[in-house]
Amino acid sequence: MQEPTLEAVYYASPIPGTALALTHMALVFDRIHFPHVYLPLEGYDPEWVEREAARIAALPPGGFGDGDELVAMLRFVRHAKTLDGFCAFTGEAGVMGGKEEGADELVKQLDIAIFGPPKPNFVPMHFGGHAKGLTDDSSVSMNYPGRLHYHAQALIYAARNGIPIINDHPGLPIPEPRPGAFKNNVQALSTIAAMQCVALAVPHVKALKPEQIMEMRAEFEPYLKPFRRAVLRLAGQLNTAISEGADFKDVEAAAKALVETEVRPQLLELKDAVEKPARGLLEKGFGLAKETPEIVTSYLSMPLSVTIAKALITVAGLLMQMKDDKAKQEGLARSPYYYLLRISRQAE
C-alpha cells in the first residue's frame, strides 16, 4: 500500500513569504508546490547573485513596483538546492510563467477583487512572466510568473492536480470552495487535520533557516509515516463528522474539536510517559549515591576486589535499568503522535 503523503500549493508568492511560514509548512507537508517557478540548482555564482540583488535594491523606486519581489527572488534562489525535494518549483528553464488554461481571465477577476474595478478608459497591464539572468551573460536564469499571474496559475494548478492551497497572506482573495467540496475529499481533510495537529504541538515554534529545516525533516523522518497514517484515520473521522454541505469554517471547527478530544489526550499521555523514565533515573541515581558512603567507609577493612565488585554490581544494575528505559522510549516512539512530541520539544 502506498504511504499517504501531504502536499500543498503555495498561493501567496513564487517563493515562501517568510522563514516562519516555511518552517510551519515543513512540519506539516511532505512537499510544497510553486507552480511554473524555475530556480536553477547550480551553474551560477551565489556571491554574484547577492551583489546583483544589492545593486537592484539600491535603485530608486519606480517602474511597475516589481523590484522588491525580484530582490527577494534573487536572495532566495541559493536556497532552492537546499530545499530540493521539499519545495517543488515546477517551472522549466526559459519558460516565463507557464500557460495554465483560463489564467488570463482569472487574472482580470483577481485584479478587480484586489484593486477594485478599473477607471473608465483604463486598461490594466499584467506581465505574464519574468526572467532574470544569474550570470553576466545570462546563460543561467530564473523564471517565474508575474504578480497576479502567479496567484491565478497557482489556483488553476491546484484545482487541476487536486492539491490543497496554502495561503499566509490574509489580503489575497481566494475563491470560496463550493458547498460540499470537503465531504469525501481525503486530501483536503487530511491537510486540515494535520495542520490542526501541528498547531496543537507547536504554538510558539521559531523560524528556522533552510539548512536547519532540512536537518529537522531528516531527523523526524522515522516518525512521519505513523503520523501520516494517524492523520488519514483522523480524516476519516472528520469526514463522518461533517455534513454534505459543510463549508471551510465548519470543517475547521470540526477538525479542531476532533484534535482536542482525540489527539491532545494521547499527546499528553505520551509526554508524561516519556518524561517518567528521566525522573525514575534520577531517583536511581540517588540510590547509587546512598551506596557510596558504605563502600568508601568500609574500604579500609574490605579487600579491594570486593569493594570494586560491589560498586560494579550497583552500577551494572543502574545501566540495565537505563537500557530498559531506552527500550521503553523506543516503544513509545512507535506511537503515531510521537512526531508531535518531537516537534513540540523542538519549539521549546
Protein backbone atom coordinates (compact mmCIF):
# COMPACT_ATOMS: atom_id res chain seq x y z
CA MET A 1 0.00 0.00 0.00
CA GLN A 2 1.32 3.43 -0.94
CA GLU A 3 2.20 5.57 2.07
CA PRO A 4 -0.04 8.64 2.50
CA THR A 5 1.58 11.98 1.72
CA LEU A 6 0.55 15.57 2.28
CA GLU A 7 1.18 18.13 -0.44
CA ALA A 8 0.03 21.70 -0.97
CA VAL A 9 0.29 24.57 -3.44
CA TYR A 10 1.69 27.81 -2.04
CA TYR A 11 -0.54 30.67 -3.16
CA ALA A 12 0.88 33.90 -1.74
CA SER A 13 4.03 34.33 -3.85
CA PRO A 14 6.53 32.47 -6.07
CA ILE A 15 8.72 31.79 -3.02
CA PRO A 16 7.85 31.29 0.69
CA GLY A 17 6.75 34.58 2.20
CA THR A 18 8.72 34.24 5.44
CA ALA A 19 11.11 31.82 7.16
CA LEU A 20 8.41 31.17 9.76
CA ALA A 21 5.86 30.19 7.10
CA LEU A 22 8.42 27.88 5.51
CA THR A 23 9.16 26.28 8.90
CA HIS A 24 5.48 25.68 9.64
CA MET A 25 4.89 24.15 6.21
CA ALA A 26 7.92 21.89 6.65
CA LEU A 27 6.37 20.44 9.81
CA VAL A 28 3.06 19.62 8.10
CA PHE A 29 3.71 18.80 4.44
CA ASP A 30 5.85 16.36 2.50
CA ARG A 31 6.02 18.72 -0.48
CA ILE A 32 5.06 22.31 -1.33
CA HIS A 33 4.44 23.22 -4.98
CA PHE A 34 5.33 26.58 -6.51
CA PRO A 35 3.68 26.36 -9.95
CA HIS A 36 5.64 27.46 -13.02
CA VAL A 37 8.54 28.87 -10.99
CA TYR A 38 12.00 27.86 -12.18
CA LEU A 39 15.00 28.31 -9.86
CA PRO A 40 18.24 26.72 -11.09
CA LEU A 41 20.06 24.50 -8.61
CA GLU A 42 23.55 25.23 -9.95
CA GLY A 43 25.52 26.94 -12.71
CA TYR A 44 25.77 30.39 -11.10
CA ASP A 45 27.90 32.17 -8.50
CA PRO A 46 25.85 32.89 -5.33
CA GLU A 47 28.09 35.84 -4.48
CA TRP A 48 27.47 37.39 -7.93
CA VAL A 49 23.72 36.95 -7.41
CA GLU A 50 23.89 38.59 -3.98
CA ARG A 51 25.77 41.58 -5.45
CA GLU A 52 23.13 41.86 -8.16
CA ALA A 53 20.37 41.78 -5.53
CA ALA A 54 22.11 44.57 -3.60
CA ARG A 55 22.50 46.64 -6.81
CA ILE A 56 18.81 46.36 -7.64
CA ALA A 57 17.76 47.07 -4.05
CA ALA A 58 19.77 50.32 -4.16
CA LEU A 59 17.98 51.61 -7.28
CA PRO A 60 15.42 54.41 -6.78
CA PRO A 61 11.81 53.16 -6.64
CA GLY A 62 9.80 53.37 -9.83
CA GLY A 63 8.60 51.35 -12.78
CA PHE A 64 5.96 48.76 -12.07
CA GLY A 65 6.92 48.10 -8.46
CA ASP A 66 8.32 44.62 -9.02
CA GLY A 67 11.77 45.45 -7.64
CA ASP A 68 11.15 44.17 -4.11
CA GLU A 69 9.86 40.83 -5.40
CA LEU A 70 12.83 40.48 -7.74
CA VAL A 71 15.31 41.17 -4.94
CA ALA A 72 13.55 38.60 -2.73
CA MET A 73 13.70 36.05 -5.55
CA LEU A 74 17.42 36.69 -6.09
CA ARG A 75 18.18 36.27 -2.39
CA PHE A 76 16.12 33.09 -2.16
CA VAL A 77 17.44 31.29 -5.25
CA ARG A 78 20.51 29.93 -3.42
CA HIS A 79 18.17 28.02 -1.06
CA ALA A 80 16.47 26.12 -3.89
CA LYS A 81 19.10 23.36 -3.88
CA THR A 82 18.96 23.00 -0.08
CA LEU A 83 15.16 22.71 -0.15
CA ASP A 84 15.04 20.44 -3.21
CA GLY A 85 12.67 17.55 -2.55
CA PHE A 86 10.51 19.60 -0.20
CA CYS A 87 9.92 22.76 -2.25
CA ALA A 88 8.87 21.76 -5.78
CA PHE A 89 9.47 24.60 -8.23
CA THR A 90 7.64 23.17 -11.22
CA GLY A 91 8.72 25.62 -13.94
CA GLU A 92 11.04 24.96 -16.86
CA ALA A 93 14.21 26.80 -17.83
CA GLY A 94 13.46 29.56 -20.34
CA VAL A 95 9.67 29.41 -19.88
CA MET A 96 8.41 32.64 -18.31
CA GLY A 97 5.38 31.96 -16.19
CA GLY A 98 3.61 28.92 -17.61
CA LYS A 99 0.38 28.74 -19.53
CA GLU A 100 -2.45 27.37 -17.39
CA GLU A 101 -5.67 27.49 -19.41
CA GLY A 102 -8.00 30.18 -18.08
CA ALA A 103 -5.28 32.05 -16.17
CA ASP A 104 -5.66 35.32 -18.14
CA GLU A 105 -9.36 35.61 -17.34
CA LEU A 106 -8.73 34.76 -13.70
CA VAL A 107 -6.07 37.48 -13.52
CA LYS A 108 -8.69 40.06 -14.54
CA GLN A 109 -11.02 38.86 -11.80
CA LEU A 110 -8.24 38.90 -9.19
CA ASP A 111 -7.33 42.45 -10.23
CA ILE A 112 -10.89 43.61 -9.60
CA ALA A 113 -11.11 41.71 -6.31
CA ILE A 114 -7.86 43.26 -5.01
CA PHE A 115 -7.83 46.78 -6.54
CA GLY A 116 -11.47 47.32 -7.47
CA PRO A 117 -12.95 47.98 -10.94
CA PRO A 118 -10.66 49.93 -13.30
CA LYS A 119 -11.45 53.56 -14.11
CA PRO A 120 -13.13 54.32 -17.44
CA ASN A 121 -10.79 54.06 -20.46
CA PHE A 122 -8.07 52.48 -18.29
CA VAL A 123 -6.80 49.03 -19.23
CA PRO A 124 -4.61 47.38 -16.54
CA MET A 125 -1.40 45.75 -17.75
CA HIS A 126 -0.22 42.45 -16.27
CA PHE A 127 3.06 40.75 -17.08
CA GLY A 128 2.59 37.02 -17.61
CA GLY A 129 6.10 36.15 -16.53
CA HIS A 130 9.61 37.33 -15.69
CA ALA A 131 13.14 36.10 -16.38
CA LYS A 132 16.32 37.26 -14.67
CA GLY A 133 19.83 36.20 -15.61
CA LEU A 134 22.00 34.89 -12.80
CA THR A 135 25.29 35.27 -14.67
CA ASP A 136 26.99 38.07 -16.62
CA ASP A 137 25.96 36.51 -19.92
CA SER A 138 22.50 35.37 -18.66
CA SER A 139 23.31 31.79 -19.64
CA VAL A 140 21.60 30.72 -16.40
CA SER A 141 18.39 32.42 -15.36
CA MET A 142 15.40 32.10 -13.05
CA ASN A 143 11.84 32.34 -14.41
CA TYR A 144 8.59 32.98 -12.60
CA PRO A 145 5.02 34.20 -13.27
CA GLY A 146 4.07 37.84 -12.89
CA ARG A 147 2.42 39.08 -9.71
CA LEU A 148 -1.27 38.31 -10.33
CA HIS A 149 -0.43 35.60 -12.83
CA TYR A 150 1.26 33.58 -10.10
CA HIS A 151 -1.90 33.61 -7.95
CA ALA A 152 -4.06 32.67 -10.95
CA GLN A 153 -1.76 29.88 -12.09
CA ALA A 154 -1.48 28.53 -8.54
CA LEU A 155 -5.28 28.32 -8.22
CA ILE A 156 -5.68 26.52 -11.53
CA TYR A 157 -2.68 24.24 -10.95
CA ALA A 158 -4.07 23.24 -7.55
CA ALA A 159 -7.53 22.52 -8.97
CA ARG A 160 -6.11 20.55 -11.90
CA ASN A 161 -3.94 18.37 -9.65
CA GLY A 162 -6.38 18.07 -6.74
CA ILE A 163 -3.90 19.62 -4.25
CA PRO A 164 -4.98 21.95 -1.41
CA ILE A 165 -3.88 25.60 -1.44
CA ILE A 166 -1.91 27.19 1.39
CA ASN A 167 -2.08 30.95 1.87
CA ASP A 168 -0.44 33.01 4.62
CA HIS A 169 -1.32 36.43 3.17
CA PRO A 170 -4.77 37.43 4.52
CA GLY A 171 -5.13 40.27 2.00
CA LEU A 172 -5.24 37.97 -1.01
CA PRO A 173 -8.64 36.83 -2.27
CA ILE A 174 -9.22 33.09 -2.55
CA PRO A 175 -12.32 31.67 -4.24
CA GLU A 176 -14.71 30.11 -1.72
CA PRO A 177 -14.83 26.32 -2.11
CA ARG A 178 -18.20 25.18 -3.43
CA PRO A 179 -20.62 23.73 -0.86
CA GLY A 180 -19.79 20.09 -0.25
CA ALA A 181 -16.22 20.42 -1.55
CA PHE A 182 -14.82 18.83 1.61
CA LYS A 183 -17.11 15.82 2.02
CA ASN A 184 -15.24 12.66 0.94
CA ASN A 185 -12.20 14.78 -0.05
CA VAL A 186 -9.47 12.80 1.73
CA GLN A 187 -6.62 15.08 0.62
CA ALA A 188 -8.28 18.27 1.87
CA LEU A 189 -9.50 16.72 5.13
CA SER A 190 -6.08 15.18 5.83
CA THR A 191 -4.44 18.57 5.30
CA ILE A 192 -6.82 20.33 7.68
CA ALA A 193 -6.42 17.60 10.32
CA ALA A 194 -2.61 17.66 10.05
CA MET A 195 -2.46 21.45 10.37
CA GLN A 196 -4.63 21.33 13.50
CA CYS A 197 -2.38 18.62 14.99
CA VAL A 198 0.80 20.58 14.37
CA ALA A 199 -0.81 23.80 15.64
CA LEU A 200 -1.55 21.91 18.87
CA ALA A 201 2.07 20.76 19.21
CA VAL A 202 3.94 23.93 18.23
CA PRO A 203 2.09 27.13 19.17
CA HIS A 204 5.38 29.01 19.54
CA VAL A 205 7.69 27.37 17.01
CA LYS A 206 10.53 29.64 15.92
CA ALA A 207 11.65 30.27 12.35
CA LEU A 208 14.46 28.04 11.10
CA LYS A 209 16.95 28.53 8.29
CA PRO A 210 16.53 26.30 5.21
CA GLU A 211 19.50 24.14 6.23
CA GLN A 212 18.03 23.68 9.71
CA ILE A 213 14.64 22.83 8.23
CA MET A 214 16.05 20.03 6.11
CA GLU A 215 18.10 18.69 9.03
CA MET A 216 14.97 18.69 11.16
CA ARG A 217 12.98 16.87 8.47
CA ALA A 218 15.69 14.21 8.18
CA GLU A 219 15.73 13.76 11.96
CA PHE A 220 11.93 13.45 12.17
CA GLU A 221 11.51 11.23 9.10
CA PRO A 222 11.19 7.91 11.05
CA TYR A 223 8.19 9.31 12.93
CA LEU A 224 6.38 10.80 9.95
CA LYS A 225 4.94 7.62 8.44
CA PRO A 226 2.93 6.57 11.52
CA PHE A 227 1.85 10.20 11.96
CA ARG A 228 0.62 10.36 8.35
CA ARG A 229 -1.38 7.15 8.89
CA ALA A 230 -2.91 8.61 12.04
CA VAL A 231 -3.83 11.77 10.12
CA LEU A 232 -5.52 9.61 7.49
CA ARG A 233 -7.62 7.98 10.21
CA LEU A 234 -8.47 11.41 11.62
CA ALA A 235 -9.56 12.49 8.13
CA GLY A 236 -11.97 9.54 8.08
CA GLN A 237 -13.42 10.57 11.44
CA LEU A 238 -13.62 14.18 10.27
CA ASN A 239 -15.46 13.11 7.12
CA THR A 240 -18.04 11.34 9.28
CA ALA A 241 -18.44 14.40 11.49
CA ILE A 242 -19.19 16.93 8.74
CA SER A 243 -22.34 17.37 6.68
CA GLU A 244 -22.60 17.16 2.90
CA GLY A 245 -22.74 20.94 2.56
CA ALA A 246 -20.09 21.83 5.17
CA ASP A 247 -18.02 24.92 4.36
CA PHE A 248 -14.41 25.52 5.39
CA LYS A 249 -15.30 27.11 8.75
CA ASP A 250 -17.47 24.12 9.62
CA VAL A 251 -14.72 21.68 8.69
CA GLU A 252 -12.02 23.64 10.55
CA ALA A 253 -14.18 23.77 13.70
CA ALA A 254 -14.91 20.05 13.49
CA ALA A 255 -11.20 19.29 12.96
CA LYS A 256 -10.19 21.41 15.96
CA ALA A 257 -12.75 19.65 18.17
CA LEU A 258 -11.56 16.25 16.93
CA VAL A 259 -7.91 17.05 17.62
CA GLU A 260 -8.74 18.41 21.07
CA THR A 261 -10.63 15.24 22.06
CA GLU A 262 -8.65 12.60 20.15
CA VAL A 263 -5.06 13.86 19.83
CA ARG A 264 -4.46 16.14 22.80
CA PRO A 265 -5.12 13.45 25.48
CA GLN A 266 -2.83 10.97 23.69
CA LEU A 267 -0.13 13.61 23.29
CA LEU A 268 -0.28 14.48 27.00
CA GLU A 269 -0.10 10.80 27.98
CA LEU A 270 2.83 10.30 25.63
CA LYS A 271 4.66 13.33 27.03
CA ASP A 272 4.12 12.09 30.58
CA ALA A 273 5.31 8.57 29.71
CA VAL A 274 8.47 9.85 28.05
CA GLU A 275 9.31 12.14 30.96
CA LYS A 276 8.76 9.48 33.64
CA PRO A 277 11.93 7.47 32.88
CA ALA A 278 14.00 10.61 33.38
CA ARG A 279 12.54 11.09 36.86
CA GLY A 280 12.99 7.40 37.63
CA LEU A 281 16.60 7.56 36.54
CA LEU A 282 17.19 10.49 38.86
CA GLU A 283 15.78 8.50 41.78
CA LYS A 284 18.03 5.54 40.92
CA GLY A 285 20.96 7.92 40.85
CA PHE A 286 20.22 8.92 44.44
CA GLY A 287 20.04 5.22 45.30
CA LEU A 288 23.55 4.74 43.95
CA ALA A 289 24.78 7.75 45.94
CA LYS A 290 23.49 6.15 49.16
CA GLU A 291 25.62 3.09 48.43
CA THR A 292 28.76 5.15 48.00
CA PRO A 293 29.41 6.11 51.68
CA GLU A 294 29.19 2.45 52.68
CA ILE A 295 31.72 1.49 50.06
CA VAL A 296 34.05 4.34 50.98
CA THR A 297 33.87 3.91 54.78
CA SER A 298 34.38 0.16 54.57
CA TYR A 299 37.19 0.49 52.09
CA LEU A 300 40.00 0.14 54.68
CA SER A 301 38.58 -3.05 56.19
CA MET A 302 37.44 -4.63 52.91
CA PRO A 303 39.61 -6.28 50.25
CA LEU A 304 39.97 -4.01 47.23
CA SER A 305 38.50 -6.59 44.86
CA VAL A 306 35.30 -6.85 46.95
CA THR A 307 34.88 -3.06 47.06
CA ILE A 308 35.20 -2.76 43.29
CA ALA A 309 32.89 -5.72 42.76
CA LYS A 310 30.17 -4.17 44.94
CA ALA A 311 30.45 -0.87 43.12
CA LEU A 312 30.27 -2.59 39.73
CA ILE A 313 27.18 -4.57 40.74
CA THR A 314 25.40 -1.37 41.76
CA VAL A 315 26.38 0.45 38.58
CA ALA A 316 25.52 -2.57 36.42
CA GLY A 317 22.03 -2.60 37.90
CA LEU A 318 21.61 1.07 37.06
CA LEU A 319 22.89 0.58 33.50
CA MET A 320 20.47 -2.31 33.00
CA GLN A 321 17.61 -0.07 34.13
CA MET A 322 18.80 2.66 31.75
CA LYS A 323 18.62 0.13 28.89
CA ASP A 324 15.08 -0.76 29.95
CA ASP A 325 14.14 2.92 29.97
CA LYS A 326 15.63 3.38 26.49
CA ALA A 327 13.69 0.38 25.22
CA LYS A 328 10.53 1.85 26.71
CA GLN A 329 11.12 5.16 24.97
CA GLU A 330 11.79 3.39 21.67
CA GLY A 331 8.48 1.63 22.12
CA LEU A 332 6.75 4.95 22.69
CA ALA A 333 8.38 6.26 19.52
CA ARG A 334 6.12 3.92 17.59
CA SER A 335 3.12 5.96 18.72
CA PRO A 336 1.65 7.87 15.77
CA TYR A 337 1.76 11.09 17.80
CA TYR A 338 5.40 10.78 18.86
CA TYR A 339 6.15 13.05 15.88
CA LEU A 340 4.08 15.80 17.51
CA LEU A 341 6.01 15.34 20.74
CA ARG A 342 9.34 15.68 18.91
CA ILE A 343 8.38 18.89 17.13
CA SER A 344 6.89 20.23 20.36
CA ARG A 345 10.27 19.81 22.04
CA GLN A 346 11.95 21.42 19.03
CA ALA A 347 9.83 24.51 19.72
CA GLU A 348 10.72 24.70 23.43
